[in-house]
Amino acid sequence: MIDNTITDDQVRVMDIMAQIKKLNAMIDLHQTESKDAVMVSQYKDMKQRFLLELKEIMSEYQIDVQV
């Protein structure tokens, strides 16, 4: 039997992925439109932190994520 209950981890993974999607758009915008290297760097740093959190969550399920 499959448990259809959504866990806190699943919600957090979905949130992280949504945040990364938004960050990717902001990185693209600042790389192409404003050429603002500081903003690009800040957004990339935020993305890296989200990816590390995602890796940590996935490791609890014995899934190895390469970041």
PDB file of N, CA and C in Angstrom:
ATOM      1  N   MET A   1       0.832  -1.170   0.000  1.00  0.00           N
ATOM      2  CA  MET A   1       0.000   0.000   0.000  1.00  0.00           C
ATOM      3  C   MET A   1       0.892   1.253   0.000  1.00  0.00           C
ATOM      4  N   ILE A   2       0.543   2.239  -0.822  1.00  0.00           N
ATOM      5  CA  ILE A   2       1.315   3.478  -0.946  1.00  0.00           C
ATOM      6  C   ILE A   2       0.710   4.530  -0.020  1.00  0.00           C
ATOM      7  N   ASP A   3       1.583   5.172   0.771  1.00  0.00           N
ATOM      8  CA  ASP A   3       1.159   6.250   1.652  1.00  0.00           C
ATOM      9  C   ASP A   3       1.230   7.556   0.875  1.00  0.00           C
ATOM     10  N   ASN A   4       0.093   8.191   0.670  1.00  0.00           N
ATOM     11  CA  ASN A   4       0.031   9.429  -0.107  1.00  0.00           C
ATOM     12  C   ASN A   4       0.217  10.677   0.746  1.00  0.00           C
ATOM     13  N   THR A   5       0.627  10.513   1.990  1.00  0.00           N
ATOM     14  CA  THR A   5       0.849  11.645   2.873  1.00  0.00           C
ATOM     15  C   THR A   5       2.107  12.391   2.438  1.00  0.00           C
ATOM     16  N   ILE A   6       1.992  13.684   2.318  1.00  0.00           N
ATOM     17  CA  ILE A   6       3.146  14.504   1.942  1.00  0.00           C
ATOM     18  C   ILE A   6       3.929  14.832   3.211  1.00  0.00           C
ATOM     19  N   THR A   7       5.219  14.539   3.177  1.00  0.00           N
ATOM     20  CA  THR A   7       6.070  14.768   4.340  1.00  0.00           C
ATOM     21  C   THR A   7       6.678  16.171   4.305  1.00  0.00           C
ATOM     22  N   ASP A   8       7.208  16.585   5.444  1.00  0.00           N
ATOM     23  CA  ASP A   8       7.900  17.881   5.516  1.00  0.00           C
ATOM     24  C   ASP A   8       9.080  17.922   4.552  1.00  0.00           C
ATOM     25  N   ASP A   9       9.794  16.794   4.431  1.00  0.00           N
ATOM     26  CA  ASP A   9      10.926  16.730   3.495  1.00  0.00           C
ATOM     27  C   ASP A   9      10.465  16.961   2.059  1.00  0.00           C
ATOM     28  N   GLN A  10       9.346  16.361   1.685  1.00  0.00           N
ATOM     29  CA  GLN A  10       8.849  16.530   0.320  1.00  0.00           C
ATOM     30  C   GLN A  10       8.459  17.980   0.045  1.00  0.00           C
ATOM     31  N   VAL A  11       7.824  18.595   1.026  1.00  0.00           N
ATOM     32  CA  VAL A  11       7.442  19.999   0.880  1.00  0.00           C
ATOM     33  C   VAL A  11       8.691  20.860   0.740  1.00  0.00           C
ATOM     34  N   ARG A  12       9.699  20.578   1.567  1.00  0.00           N
ATOM     35  CA  ARG A  12      10.941  21.372   1.518  1.00  0.00           C
ATOM     36  C   ARG A  12      11.659  21.177   0.190  1.00  0.00           C
ATOM     37  N   VAL A  13      11.692  19.948  -0.324  1.00  0.00           N
ATOM     38  CA  VAL A  13      12.333  19.693  -1.620  1.00  0.00           C
ATOM     39  C   VAL A  13      11.622  20.486  -2.719  1.00  0.00           C
ATOM     40  N   MET A  14      10.309  20.482  -2.702  1.00  0.00           N
ATOM     41  CA  MET A  14       9.562  21.245  -3.707  1.00  0.00           C
ATOM     42  C   MET A  14       9.839  22.737  -3.576  1.00  0.00           C
ATOM     43  N   ASP A  15       9.927  23.228  -2.334  1.00  0.00           N
ATOM     44  CA  ASP A  15      10.221  24.640  -2.107  1.00  0.00           C
ATOM     45  C   ASP A  15      11.617  24.993  -2.607  1.00  0.00           C
ATOM     46  N   ILE A  16      12.585  24.148  -2.290  1.00  0.00           N
ATOM     47  CA  ILE A  16      13.959  24.395  -2.749  1.00  0.00           C
ATOM     48  C   ILE A  16      14.012  24.441  -4.268  1.00  0.00           C
ATOM     49  N   MET A  17      13.338  23.515  -4.918  1.00  0.00           N
ATOM     50  CA  MET A  17      13.363  23.489  -6.381  1.00  0.00           C
ATOM     51  C   MET A  17      12.719  24.747  -6.964  1.00  0.00           C
ATOM     52  N   ALA A  18      11.644  25.211  -6.347  1.00  0.00           N
ATOM     53  CA  ALA A  18      11.003  26.445  -6.809  1.00  0.00           C
ATOM     54  C   ALA A  18      11.939  27.637  -6.612  1.00  0.00           C
ATOM     55  N   GLN A  19      12.630  27.672  -5.485  1.00  0.00           N
ATOM     56  CA  GLN A  19      13.575  28.755  -5.224  1.00  0.00           C
ATOM     57  C   GLN A  19      14.730  28.734  -6.227  1.00  0.00           C
ATOM     58  N   ILE A  20      15.235  27.545  -6.529  1.00  0.00           N
ATOM     59  CA  ILE A  20      16.325  27.420  -7.501  1.00  0.00           C
ATOM     60  C   ILE A  20      15.870  27.890  -8.883  1.00  0.00           C
ATOM     61  N   LYS A  21      14.646  27.550  -9.245  1.00  0.00           N
ATOM     62  CA  LYS A  21      14.116  27.983 -10.539  1.00  0.00           C
ATOM     63  C   LYS A  21      14.086  29.512 -10.619  1.00  0.00           C
ATOM     64  N   LYS A  22      13.648  30.160  -9.544  1.00  0.00           N
ATOM     65  CA  LYS A  22      13.614  31.621  -9.508  1.00  0.00           C
ATOM     66  C   LYS A  22      15.032  32.199  -9.546  1.00  0.00           C
ATOM     67  N   LEU A  23      15.931  31.571  -8.804  1.00  0.00           N
ATOM     68  CA  LEU A  23      17.320  32.043  -8.797  1.00  0.00           C
ATOM     69  C   LEU A  23      17.954  31.909 -10.172  1.00  0.00           C
ATOM     70  N   ASN A  24      17.686  30.817 -10.865  1.00  0.00           N
ATOM     71  CA  ASN A  24      18.215  30.637 -12.221  1.00  0.00           C
ATOM     72  C   ASN A  24      17.765  31.771 -13.129  1.00  0.00           C
ATOM     73  N   ALA A  25      16.498  32.168 -13.000  1.00  0.00           N
ATOM     74  CA  ALA A  25      15.977  33.275 -13.811  1.00  0.00           C
ATOM     75  C   ALA A  25      16.685  34.580 -13.459  1.00  0.00           C
ATOM     76  N   MET A  26      16.919  34.802 -12.176  1.00  0.00           N
ATOM     77  CA  MET A  26      17.605  36.029 -11.754  1.00  0.00           C
ATOM     78  C   MET A  26      19.069  36.027 -12.198  1.00  0.00           C
ATOM     79  N   ILE A  27      19.703  34.880 -12.128  1.00  0.00           N
ATOM     80  CA  ILE A  27      21.096  34.776 -12.599  1.00  0.00           C
ATOM     81  C   ILE A  27      21.161  35.093 -14.084  1.00  0.00           C
ATOM     82  N   ASP A  28      20.258  34.488 -14.856  1.00  0.00           N
ATOM     83  CA  ASP A  28      20.230  34.750 -16.299  1.00  0.00           C
ATOM     84  C   ASP A  28      19.981  36.230 -16.588  1.00  0.00           C
ATOM     85  N   LEU A  29      19.046  36.826 -15.865  1.00  0.00           N
ATOM     86  CA  LEU A  29      18.719  38.230 -16.064  1.00  0.00           C
ATOM     87  C   LEU A  29      19.937  39.121 -15.818  1.00  0.00           C
ATOM     88  N   HIS A  30      20.605  38.894 -14.704  1.00  0.00           N
ATOM     89  CA  HIS A  30      21.734  39.752 -14.352  1.00  0.00           C
ATOM     90  C   HIS A  30      22.983  39.459 -15.185  1.00  0.00           C
ATOM     91  N   GLN A  31      23.073  38.263 -15.730  1.00  0.00           N
ATOM     92  CA  GLN A  31      24.211  37.972 -16.609  1.00  0.00           C
ATOM     93  C   GLN A  31      24.019  38.612 -17.979  1.00  0.00           C
ATOM     94  N   THR A  32      22.770  38.670 -18.438  1.00  0.00           N
ATOM     95  CA  THR A  32      22.531  39.156 -19.795  1.00  0.00           C
ATOM     96  C   THR A  32      22.094  40.611 -19.865  1.00  0.00           C
ATOM     97  N   GLU A  33      21.262  41.046 -18.911  1.00  0.00           N
ATOM     98  CA  GLU A  33      20.701  42.391 -18.988  1.00  0.00           C
ATOM     99  C   GLU A  33      21.558  43.429 -18.275  1.00  0.00           C
ATOM    100  N   SER A  34      21.781  43.246 -16.997  1.00  0.00           N
ATOM    101  CA  SER A  34      22.439  44.293 -16.220  1.00  0.00           C
ATOM    102  C   SER A  34      23.951  44.117 -16.132  1.00  0.00           C
ATOM    103  N   LYS A  35      24.422  42.921 -16.433  1.00  0.00           N
ATOM    104  CA  LYS A  35      25.865  42.623 -16.343  1.00  0.00           C
ATOM    105  C   LYS A  35      26.399  42.912 -14.935  1.00  0.00           C
ATOM    106  N   ASP A  36      25.546  42.702 -13.933  1.00  0.00           N
ATOM    107  CA  ASP A  36      25.902  42.996 -12.541  1.00  0.00           C
ATOM    108  C   ASP A  36      26.530  41.751 -11.911  1.00  0.00           C
ATOM    109  N   ALA A  37      27.849  41.711 -11.913  1.00  0.00           N
ATOM    110  CA  ALA A  37      28.583  40.538 -11.428  1.00  0.00           C
ATOM    111  C   ALA A  37      28.354  40.286  -9.937  1.00  0.00           C
ATOM    112  N   VAL A  38      28.151  41.350  -9.171  1.00  0.00           N
ATOM    113  CA  VAL A  38      27.917  41.186  -7.732  1.00  0.00           C
ATOM    114  C   VAL A  38      26.593  40.466  -7.496  1.00  0.00           C
ATOM    115  N   MET A  39      25.559  40.893  -8.201  1.00  0.00           N
ATOM    116  CA  MET A  39      24.251  40.242  -8.044  1.00  0.00           C
ATOM    117  C   MET A  39      24.315  38.785  -8.503  1.00  0.00           C
ATOM    118  N   VAL A  40      24.977  38.538  -9.616  1.00  0.00           N
ATOM    119  CA  VAL A  40      25.125  37.162 -10.109  1.00  0.00           C
ATOM    120  C   VAL A  40      25.806  36.311  -9.053  1.00  0.00           C
ATOM    121  N   SER A  41      26.861  36.844  -8.466  1.00  0.00           N
ATOM    122  CA  SER A  41      27.589  36.110  -7.443  1.00  0.00           C
ATOM    123  C   SER A  41      26.706  35.817  -6.234  1.00  0.00           C
ATOM    124  N   GLN A  42      25.923  36.782  -5.812  1.00  0.00           N
ATOM    125  CA  GLN A  42      25.035  36.589  -4.667  1.00  0.00           C
ATOM    126  C   GLN A  42      23.967  35.539  -4.953  1.00  0.00           C
ATOM    127  N   TYR A  43      23.384  35.598  -6.140  1.00  0.00           N
ATOM    128  CA  TYR A  43      22.359  34.619  -6.503  1.00  0.00           C
ATOM    129  C   TYR A  43      22.955  33.216  -6.629  1.00  0.00           C
ATOM    130  N   LYS A  44      24.165  33.131  -7.169  1.00  0.00           N
ATOM    131  CA  LYS A  44      24.818  31.824  -7.274  1.00  0.00           C
ATOM    132  C   LYS A  44      25.138  31.258  -5.894  1.00  0.00           C
ATOM    133  N   ASP A  45      25.523  32.123  -4.966  1.00  0.00           N
ATOM    134  CA  ASP A  45      25.787  31.686  -3.600  1.00  0.00           C
ATOM    135  C   ASP A  45      24.506  31.152  -2.949  1.00  0.00           C
ATOM    136  N   MET A  46      23.403  31.858  -3.134  1.00  0.00           N
ATOM    137  CA  MET A  46      22.122  31.403  -2.598  1.00  0.00           C
ATOM    138  C   MET A  46      21.739  30.051  -3.201  1.00  0.00           C
ATOM    139  N   LYS A  47      21.938  29.923  -4.494  1.00  0.00           N
ATOM    140  CA  LYS A  47      21.627  28.665  -5.177  1.00  0.00           C
ATOM    141  C   LYS A  47      22.469  27.524  -4.616  1.00  0.00           C
ATOM    142  N   GLN A  48      23.739  27.785  -4.386  1.00  0.00           N
ATOM    143  CA  GLN A  48      24.631  26.762  -3.845  1.00  0.00           C
ATOM    144  C   GLN A  48      24.160  26.302  -2.466  1.00  0.00           C
ATOM    145  N   ARG A  49      23.726  27.246  -1.637  1.00  0.00           N
ATOM    146  CA  ARG A  49      23.229  26.885  -0.305  1.00  0.00           C
ATOM    147  C   ARG A  49      21.970  26.037  -0.396  1.00  0.00           C
ATOM    148  N   PHE A  50      21.076  26.362  -1.322  1.00  0.00           N
ATOM    149  CA  PHE A  50      19.882  25.539  -1.528  1.00  0.00           C
ATOM    150  C   PHE A  50      20.261  24.140  -2.008  1.00  0.00           C
ATOM    151  N   LEU A  51      21.232  24.065  -2.912  1.00  0.00           N
ATOM    152  CA  LEU A  51      21.658  22.760  -3.416  1.00  0.00           C
ATOM    153  C   LEU A  51      22.269  21.898  -2.314  1.00  0.00           C
ATOM    154  N   LEU A  52      23.030  22.517  -1.433  1.00  0.00           N
ATOM    155  CA  LEU A  52      23.603  21.763  -0.315  1.00  0.00           C
ATOM    156  C   LEU A  52      22.516  21.273   0.632  1.00  0.00           C
ATOM    157  N   GLU A  53      21.508  22.086   0.859  1.00  0.00           N
ATOM    158  CA  GLU A  53      20.394  21.649   1.697  1.00  0.00           C
ATOM    159  C   GLU A  53      19.648  20.496   1.036  1.00  0.00           C
ATOM    160  N   LEU A  54      19.430  20.610  -0.265  1.00  0.00           N
ATOM    161  CA  LEU A  54      18.771  19.533  -1.011  1.00  0.00           C
ATOM    162  C   LEU A  54      19.581  18.243  -0.924  1.00  0.00           C
ATOM    163  N   LYS A  55      20.889  18.357  -1.061  1.00  0.00           N
ATOM    164  CA  LYS A  55      21.770  17.188  -0.965  1.00  0.00           C
ATOM    165  C   LYS A  55      21.638  16.529   0.409  1.00  0.00           C
ATOM    166  N   GLU A  56      21.578  17.348   1.455  1.00  0.00           N
ATOM    167  CA  GLU A  56      21.446  16.831   2.815  1.00  0.00           C
ATOM    168  C   GLU A  56      20.131  16.073   2.999  1.00  0.00           C
ATOM    169  N   ILE A  57      19.048  16.655   2.508  1.00  0.00           N
ATOM    170  CA  ILE A  57      17.744  15.994   2.618  1.00  0.00           C
ATOM    171  C   ILE A  57      17.756  14.674   1.871  1.00  0.00           C
ATOM    172  N   MET A  58      18.284  14.687   0.654  1.00  0.00           N
ATOM    173  CA  MET A  58      18.283  13.479  -0.171  1.00  0.00           C
ATOM    174  C   MET A  58      19.165  12.386   0.416  1.00  0.00           C
ATOM    175  N   SER A  59      20.231  12.774   1.113  1.00  0.00           N
ATOM    176  CA  SER A  59      21.114  11.768   1.703  1.00  0.00           C
ATOM    177  C   SER A  59      20.392  10.964   2.781  1.00  0.00           C
ATOM    178  N   GLU A  60      19.392  11.552   3.422  1.00  0.00           N
ATOM    179  CA  GLU A  60      18.595  10.825   4.409  1.00  0.00           C
ATOM    180  C   GLU A  60      17.836   9.666   3.762  1.00  0.00           C
ATOM    181  N   TYR A  61      17.638   9.745   2.452  1.00  0.00           N
ATOM    182  CA  TYR A  61      16.961   8.698   1.698  1.00  0.00           C
ATOM    183  C   TYR A  61      17.963   7.833   0.920  1.00  0.00           C
ATOM    184  N   GLN A  62      19.224   7.963   1.281  1.00  0.00           N
ATOM    185  CA  GLN A  62      20.334   7.257   0.648  1.00  0.00           C
ATOM    186  C   GLN A  62      20.391   7.526  -0.855  1.00  0.00           C
ATOM    187  N   ILE A  63      20.178   8.798  -1.199  1.00  0.00           N
ATOM    188  CA  ILE A  63      20.301   9.259  -2.580  1.00  0.00           C
ATOM    189  C   ILE A  63      21.474  10.221  -2.620  1.00  0.00           C
ATOM    190  N   ASP A  64      22.463   9.898  -3.436  1.00  0.00           N
ATOM    191  CA  ASP A  64      23.669  10.719  -3.544  1.00  0.00           C
ATOM    192  C   ASP A  64      23.471  11.764  -4.633  1.00  0.00           C
ATOM    193  N   VAL A  65      23.470  13.014  -4.234  1.00  0.00           N
ATOM    194  CA  VAL A  65      23.300  14.122  -5.151  1.00  0.00           C
ATOM    195  C   VAL A  65      24.655  14.782  -5.355  1.00  0.00           C
ATOM    196  N   GLN A  66      25.045  14.958  -6.597  1.00  0.00           N
ATOM    197  CA  GLN A  66      26.297  15.633  -6.934  1.00  0.00           C
ATOM    198  C   GLN A  66      26.019  17.119  -7.075  1.00  0.00           C
ATOM    199  N   VAL A  67      26.728  17.929  -6.294  1.00  0.00           N
ATOM    200  CA  VAL A  67      26.540  19.387  -6.358  1.00  0.00           C
ATOM    201  C   VAL A  67      27.820  20.014  -6.834  1.00  0.00           C
TER     202      VAL A  67
END
